[in-house]
Amino acid sequence: MSDDPFEAVAKVAIESPCVLVCSIDTDTDWCLGCGRTRDEIARWTSIDPDARRAVMALLPERMAVLEQ
């Protein structure tokens, strides 16, 4: 077994809304690809699944705002 913490994280599937379109809207501070804030993106792998689901629940509304 490896002591590499990145290898351990890589083995755990973490649901992510990322669509590889990483550009932040200057008015909302939301990613134009997924709707998350910079902070949410940065902390994504370290927050618990319930917190990730809570953020995911906000994304459809954010994306609708961005599309206007």
Protein backbone atom coordinates (compact mmCIF):
# COMPACT_ATOMS: atom_id res chain seq x y z
CA MET A 1 0.00 0.00 0.00
CA SER A 2 1.28 3.44 -0.93
CA ASP A 3 1.77 6.30 1.50
CA ASP A 4 0.95 8.82 -1.24
CA PRO A 5 -2.20 10.74 -0.14
CA PHE A 6 -2.95 11.75 -3.74
CA GLU A 7 -3.08 8.13 -4.78
CA ALA A 8 -5.59 7.39 -2.03
CA VAL A 9 -7.85 10.26 -3.16
CA ALA A 10 -7.61 9.16 -6.78
CA LYS A 11 -9.03 5.76 -5.87
CA VAL A 12 -12.17 7.29 -4.36
CA ALA A 13 -14.71 8.43 -6.93
CA ILE A 14 -15.83 11.95 -6.07
CA GLU A 15 -18.86 13.26 -7.89
CA SER A 16 -18.05 16.57 -9.55
CA PRO A 17 -20.00 18.98 -11.73
CA CYS A 18 -16.82 20.00 -13.55
CA VAL A 19 -17.14 20.10 -17.34
CA LEU A 20 -13.58 21.34 -17.93
CA VAL A 21 -14.72 24.85 -18.85
CA CYS A 22 -12.89 26.70 -16.12
CA SER A 23 -13.60 30.40 -16.37
CA ILE A 24 -14.92 32.59 -13.56
CA ASP A 25 -17.68 35.13 -14.18
CA THR A 26 -16.51 38.44 -12.70
CA ASP A 27 -20.01 39.57 -11.68
CA THR A 28 -21.05 36.45 -9.76
CA ASP A 29 -17.69 34.78 -9.01
CA TRP A 30 -19.18 31.53 -10.34
CA CYS A 31 -17.48 29.21 -12.80
CA LEU A 32 -19.08 29.51 -16.25
CA GLY A 33 -18.71 25.76 -16.73
CA CYS A 34 -20.11 24.36 -13.50
CA GLY A 35 -21.46 27.23 -11.41
CA ARG A 36 -19.25 26.70 -8.38
CA THR A 37 -17.35 29.50 -6.66
CA ARG A 38 -13.55 29.53 -6.58
CA ASP A 39 -13.67 28.47 -2.92
CA GLU A 40 -16.05 25.59 -3.64
CA ILE A 41 -13.80 24.40 -6.47
CA ALA A 42 -10.67 24.64 -4.32
CA ARG A 43 -12.22 22.74 -1.39
CA TRP A 44 -14.23 20.21 -3.44
CA THR A 45 -12.16 17.13 -2.66
CA SER A 46 -11.87 17.96 1.03
CA ILE A 47 -15.53 18.65 1.86
CA ASP A 48 -17.82 15.83 2.88
CA PRO A 49 -20.37 14.28 0.49
CA ASP A 50 -23.33 16.05 2.14
CA ALA A 51 -21.67 19.44 1.63
CA ARG A 52 -20.92 18.56 -2.01
CA ARG A 53 -24.57 17.58 -2.54
CA ALA A 54 -25.70 20.87 -0.98
CA VAL A 55 -23.54 22.81 -3.43
CA MET A 56 -24.71 20.63 -6.33
CA ALA A 57 -28.32 21.51 -5.44
CA LEU A 58 -27.51 25.21 -5.96
CA LEU A 59 -25.87 24.79 -9.36
CA PRO A 60 -28.91 24.57 -11.67
CA GLU A 61 -30.16 27.95 -10.43
CA ARG A 62 -26.70 29.50 -10.71
CA MET A 63 -26.26 28.17 -14.24
CA ALA A 64 -29.66 29.57 -15.22
CA VAL A 65 -28.52 33.00 -13.99
CA LEU A 66 -25.25 32.70 -15.91
CA GLU A 67 -27.09 31.75 -19.11
CA GLN A 68 -29.20 34.94 -19.05
